[in-house]
Amino acid sequence: MSQEAGLTSAQSCRHHPQRPVAALCQKYGHGLCADCLENHPHCPDPDIFCRHRPQCIIHHQYKEALRSNRTNDQAQGSQP
């Protein structure tokens, strides 16, 4: 348990234990804070079946970040 914020592991961010969870992985039970969800979303098992995936905000943000990166890479590649 994070003593500074008084949050349990299920209530605190996986990467920033002092921050509260904005989204919780339903499969593994760990969460991400708003900053991680917005800037560095990471699905722990993106290629392995998860029955929660259709409604998973973490996986959705992960896919959107990949899509955005591909679009940016393609745009940079087309510039002279």
Foldseek 3Di string as FASTA:
>chain_A
DDPVCPDDQLQAAPVGRNAGFPFADPVPSGGHHPCCQQPPQDDPCLPDDDPCVVVGSSNVSVVVVVVVVVVVVVVVVPDD
